[in-house]
Amino acid sequence: MYTTAFLIALITGIIEAIKRALNLDKGYVPLISLVLGIGAAFLAQSGLEMTIQETIIFGIMIGLSSAGLFSGFKSIIYVANRIGKRTTEK
């Protein structure tokens, strides 16, 4: 369980660094997250004792979770800023 949370956070950070360093189009983020997730799952596979199919599914889960995590945080920050502006305007 801790491995999953760590890998999701790690991939989220790596994706953000790649976006800033390469000025990457946002449309490629889920694809890169997916590739990094599968790669990270294969690196973590030895400690988790999974089959190849389970490793690929685990990698897909990690990669897409990291893309969704970042997107979710951006949405929460956007809504919080909108609510904050409304309360200060009154």
N, C-alpha and C. Protein backbone atom coordinates (compact mmCIF):
# COMPACT_ATOMS: atom_id res chain seq x y z
N MET A 1 0.82 -1.19 0.00
CA MET A 1 0.00 0.00 0.00
C MET A 1 0.87 1.26 0.00
N TYR A 2 1.90 1.25 0.83
CA TYR A 2 2.78 2.42 0.86
C TYR A 2 3.55 2.56 -0.44
N THR A 3 3.84 1.44 -1.06
CA THR A 3 4.54 1.47 -2.34
C THR A 3 3.69 2.18 -3.39
N THR A 4 2.41 1.89 -3.42
CA THR A 4 1.51 2.51 -4.39
C THR A 4 1.45 4.02 -4.18
N ALA A 5 1.24 4.45 -2.95
CA ALA A 5 1.14 5.88 -2.67
C ALA A 5 2.45 6.59 -3.00
N PHE A 6 3.56 5.96 -2.67
CA PHE A 6 4.87 6.55 -2.97
C PHE A 6 5.06 6.69 -4.48
N LEU A 7 4.74 5.65 -5.23
CA LEU A 7 4.93 5.69 -6.68
C LEU A 7 4.03 6.72 -7.34
N ILE A 8 2.80 6.85 -6.87
CA ILE A 8 1.89 7.85 -7.43
C ILE A 8 2.43 9.25 -7.20
N ALA A 9 2.88 9.51 -5.97
CA ALA A 9 3.45 10.84 -5.67
C ALA A 9 4.72 11.09 -6.46
N LEU A 10 5.55 10.08 -6.59
CA LEU A 10 6.80 10.22 -7.35
C LEU A 10 6.53 10.53 -8.82
N ILE A 11 5.62 9.81 -9.42
CA ILE A 11 5.30 10.03 -10.83
C ILE A 11 4.66 11.40 -11.03
N THR A 12 3.82 11.81 -10.10
CA THR A 12 3.22 13.16 -10.19
C THR A 12 4.30 14.22 -10.19
N GLY A 13 5.28 14.08 -9.31
CA GLY A 13 6.38 15.04 -9.26
C GLY A 13 7.24 15.01 -10.51
N ILE A 14 7.53 13.83 -11.01
CA ILE A 14 8.34 13.71 -12.22
C ILE A 14 7.62 14.33 -13.41
N ILE A 15 6.33 14.10 -13.52
CA ILE A 15 5.55 14.68 -14.62
C ILE A 15 5.56 16.20 -14.54
N GLU A 16 5.41 16.74 -13.36
CA GLU A 16 5.42 18.20 -13.21
C GLU A 16 6.78 18.76 -13.59
N ALA A 17 7.85 18.08 -13.21
CA ALA A 17 9.20 18.53 -13.58
C ALA A 17 9.40 18.46 -15.09
N ILE A 18 8.92 17.41 -15.71
CA ILE A 18 9.04 17.27 -17.17
C ILE A 18 8.24 18.37 -17.87
N LYS A 19 7.04 18.65 -17.37
CA LYS A 19 6.22 19.69 -18.00
C LYS A 19 6.91 21.04 -17.94
N ARG A 20 7.49 21.35 -16.81
CA ARG A 20 8.16 22.65 -16.67
C ARG A 20 9.46 22.73 -17.45
N ALA A 21 10.22 21.64 -17.47
CA ALA A 21 11.52 21.65 -18.14
C ALA A 21 11.38 21.67 -19.66
N LEU A 22 10.41 20.94 -20.18
CA LEU A 22 10.28 20.81 -21.63
C LEU A 22 9.15 21.64 -22.23
N ASN A 23 8.43 22.39 -21.41
CA ASN A 23 7.29 23.17 -21.86
C ASN A 23 6.34 22.27 -22.67
N LEU A 24 5.98 21.17 -22.05
CA LEU A 24 5.22 20.10 -22.68
C LEU A 24 3.74 20.45 -22.82
N ASP A 25 3.13 20.05 -23.92
CA ASP A 25 1.70 20.22 -24.12
C ASP A 25 0.94 19.35 -23.11
N LYS A 26 -0.11 19.86 -22.53
CA LYS A 26 -0.86 19.15 -21.50
C LYS A 26 -1.53 17.88 -22.00
N GLY A 27 -1.73 17.77 -23.28
CA GLY A 27 -2.37 16.59 -23.85
C GLY A 27 -1.53 15.32 -23.75
N TYR A 28 -0.21 15.49 -23.60
CA TYR A 28 0.68 14.34 -23.52
C TYR A 28 0.88 13.84 -22.09
N VAL A 29 0.40 14.57 -21.12
CA VAL A 29 0.64 14.21 -19.72
C VAL A 29 0.07 12.83 -19.36
N PRO A 30 -1.17 12.50 -19.70
CA PRO A 30 -1.65 11.16 -19.34
C PRO A 30 -0.85 10.04 -20.00
N LEU A 31 -0.42 10.23 -21.23
CA LEU A 31 0.37 9.20 -21.91
C LEU A 31 1.73 9.01 -21.22
N ILE A 32 2.38 10.10 -20.89
CA ILE A 32 3.67 10.00 -20.21
C ILE A 32 3.49 9.42 -18.81
N SER A 33 2.42 9.79 -18.13
CA SER A 33 2.13 9.21 -16.82
C SER A 33 1.93 7.71 -16.91
N LEU A 34 1.24 7.30 -17.95
CA LEU A 34 0.99 5.87 -18.16
C LEU A 34 2.30 5.12 -18.38
N VAL A 35 3.17 5.65 -19.23
CA VAL A 35 4.45 5.00 -19.51
C VAL A 35 5.31 4.96 -18.24
N LEU A 36 5.37 6.07 -17.51
CA LEU A 36 6.15 6.09 -16.28
C LEU A 36 5.56 5.14 -15.23
N GLY A 37 4.25 5.04 -15.18
CA GLY A 37 3.61 4.14 -14.23
C GLY A 37 3.95 2.68 -14.51
N ILE A 38 3.90 2.30 -15.76
CA ILE A 38 4.24 0.92 -16.12
C ILE A 38 5.72 0.66 -15.84
N GLY A 39 6.57 1.63 -16.16
CA GLY A 39 8.00 1.47 -15.86
C GLY A 39 8.26 1.34 -14.37
N ALA A 40 7.60 2.17 -13.57
CA ALA A 40 7.78 2.11 -12.12
C ALA A 40 7.26 0.79 -11.56
N ALA A 41 6.18 0.28 -12.13
CA ALA A 41 5.64 -0.99 -11.66
C ALA A 41 6.62 -2.14 -11.93
N PHE A 42 7.28 -2.09 -13.08
CA PHE A 42 8.27 -3.13 -13.37
C PHE A 42 9.48 -3.02 -12.44
N LEU A 43 9.85 -1.79 -12.07
CA LEU A 43 10.95 -1.63 -11.12
C LEU A 43 10.57 -2.13 -9.73
N ALA A 44 9.31 -1.97 -9.35
CA ALA A 44 8.84 -2.39 -8.03
C ALA A 44 8.36 -3.83 -8.01
N GLN A 45 8.33 -4.47 -9.16
CA GLN A 45 7.76 -5.81 -9.28
C GLN A 45 8.46 -6.84 -8.40
N SER A 46 9.75 -6.77 -8.27
CA SER A 46 10.47 -7.81 -7.54
C SER A 46 10.05 -7.87 -6.07
N GLY A 47 9.76 -6.73 -5.49
CA GLY A 47 9.33 -6.71 -4.10
C GLY A 47 7.87 -7.06 -3.91
N LEU A 48 7.09 -7.02 -4.97
CA LEU A 48 5.64 -7.24 -4.85
C LEU A 48 5.20 -8.62 -5.33
N GLU A 49 6.09 -9.38 -5.97
CA GLU A 49 5.80 -10.73 -6.43
C GLU A 49 4.52 -10.80 -7.28
N MET A 50 4.51 -10.08 -8.40
CA MET A 50 3.36 -10.05 -9.30
C MET A 50 3.74 -10.70 -10.63
N THR A 51 2.70 -11.17 -11.35
CA THR A 51 2.92 -11.66 -12.70
C THR A 51 3.08 -10.47 -13.64
N ILE A 52 3.45 -10.73 -14.87
CA ILE A 52 3.62 -9.66 -15.86
C ILE A 52 2.30 -8.92 -16.08
N GLN A 53 1.21 -9.65 -16.18
CA GLN A 53 -0.10 -9.03 -16.41
C GLN A 53 -0.49 -8.14 -15.22
N GLU A 54 -0.26 -8.64 -14.02
CA GLU A 54 -0.58 -7.84 -12.83
C GLU A 54 0.30 -6.61 -12.74
N THR A 55 1.55 -6.74 -13.15
CA THR A 55 2.47 -5.61 -13.14
C THR A 55 2.01 -4.53 -14.11
N ILE A 56 1.58 -4.93 -15.29
CA ILE A 56 1.11 -3.95 -16.28
C ILE A 56 -0.15 -3.25 -15.78
N ILE A 57 -1.08 -3.99 -15.22
CA ILE A 57 -2.31 -3.38 -14.68
C ILE A 57 -1.96 -2.44 -13.53
N PHE A 58 -1.05 -2.87 -12.66
CA PHE A 58 -0.60 -2.03 -11.55
C PHE A 58 0.03 -0.74 -12.08
N GLY A 59 0.85 -0.85 -13.13
CA GLY A 59 1.48 0.32 -13.73
C GLY A 59 0.46 1.27 -14.35
N ILE A 60 -0.53 0.71 -15.01
CA ILE A 60 -1.60 1.55 -15.58
C ILE A 60 -2.34 2.27 -14.46
N MET A 61 -2.62 1.56 -13.39
CA MET A 61 -3.32 2.17 -12.25
C MET A 61 -2.49 3.30 -11.64
N ILE A 62 -1.20 3.07 -11.46
CA ILE A 62 -0.34 4.09 -10.88
C ILE A 62 -0.24 5.31 -11.81
N GLY A 63 0.01 5.06 -13.09
CA GLY A 63 0.18 6.16 -14.03
C GLY A 63 -1.07 7.03 -14.17
N LEU A 64 -2.20 6.40 -14.35
CA LEU A 64 -3.44 7.18 -14.51
C LEU A 64 -3.87 7.82 -13.19
N SER A 65 -3.56 7.19 -12.08
CA SER A 65 -3.86 7.80 -10.79
C SER A 65 -3.04 9.06 -10.58
N SER A 66 -1.78 9.03 -10.98
CA SER A 66 -0.96 10.22 -10.82
C SER A 66 -1.44 11.36 -11.70
N ALA A 67 -1.89 11.06 -12.91
CA ALA A 67 -2.43 12.10 -13.79
C ALA A 67 -3.73 12.65 -13.21
N GLY A 68 -4.57 11.78 -12.68
CA GLY A 68 -5.82 12.22 -12.07
C GLY A 68 -5.61 12.97 -10.77
N LEU A 69 -4.60 12.58 -10.01
CA LEU A 69 -4.30 13.26 -8.75
C LEU A 69 -3.93 14.70 -9.01
N PHE A 70 -3.06 14.92 -9.98
CA PHE A 70 -2.65 16.29 -10.29
C PHE A 70 -3.83 17.10 -10.81
N SER A 71 -4.63 16.51 -11.69
CA SER A 71 -5.79 17.20 -12.23
C SER A 71 -6.80 17.53 -11.13
N GLY A 72 -6.98 16.60 -10.21
CA GLY A 72 -7.91 16.82 -9.11
C GLY A 72 -7.47 17.97 -8.21
N PHE A 73 -6.17 18.03 -7.91
CA PHE A 73 -5.66 19.11 -7.08
C PHE A 73 -5.81 20.46 -7.79
N LYS A 74 -5.57 20.49 -9.09
CA LYS A 74 -5.75 21.73 -9.84
C LYS A 74 -7.20 22.20 -9.78
N SER A 75 -8.14 21.27 -9.88
CA SER A 75 -9.56 21.62 -9.82
C SER A 75 -9.93 22.15 -8.44
N ILE A 76 -9.43 21.51 -7.40
CA ILE A 76 -9.72 21.96 -6.03
C ILE A 76 -9.16 23.36 -5.80
N ILE A 77 -7.95 23.62 -6.26
CA ILE A 77 -7.34 24.94 -6.09
C ILE A 77 -8.13 25.99 -6.86
N TYR A 78 -8.57 25.66 -8.07
CA TYR A 78 -9.35 26.59 -8.88
C TYR A 78 -10.65 26.97 -8.17
N VAL A 79 -11.36 25.97 -7.67
CA VAL A 79 -12.64 26.23 -6.99
C VAL A 79 -12.41 27.01 -5.71
N ALA A 80 -11.37 26.67 -4.96
CA ALA A 80 -11.08 27.40 -3.72
C ALA A 80 -10.76 28.86 -4.01
N ASN A 81 -10.03 29.13 -5.08
CA ASN A 81 -9.72 30.51 -5.45
C ASN A 81 -10.98 31.27 -5.85
N ARG A 82 -11.88 30.61 -6.58
CA ARG A 82 -13.13 31.27 -6.98
C ARG A 82 -13.98 31.60 -5.76
N ILE A 83 -14.07 30.66 -4.83
CA ILE A 83 -14.85 30.90 -3.61
C ILE A 83 -14.21 32.01 -2.79
N GLY A 84 -12.90 32.01 -2.71
CA GLY A 84 -12.18 33.05 -1.96
C GLY A 84 -12.41 34.43 -2.56
N LYS A 85 -12.46 34.55 -3.87
CA LYS A 85 -12.70 35.83 -4.52
C LYS A 85 -14.11 36.32 -4.24
N ARG A 86 -15.08 35.40 -4.22
CA ARG A 86 -16.45 35.80 -3.95
C ARG A 86 -16.62 36.34 -2.53
N THR A 87 -15.95 35.72 -1.57
CA THR A 87 -16.12 36.15 -0.19
C THR A 87 -15.41 37.46 0.07
N THR A 88 -14.33 37.76 -0.66
CA THR A 88 -13.62 39.02 -0.43
C THR A 88 -14.29 40.17 -1.18
N GLU A 89 -15.08 39.90 -2.21
CA GLU A 89 -15.74 40.95 -2.96
C GLU A 89 -16.91 41.55 -2.22
N LYS A 90 -17.51 40.82 -1.30
CA LYS A 90 -18.71 41.30 -0.62
C LYS A 90 -18.38 42.21 0.53
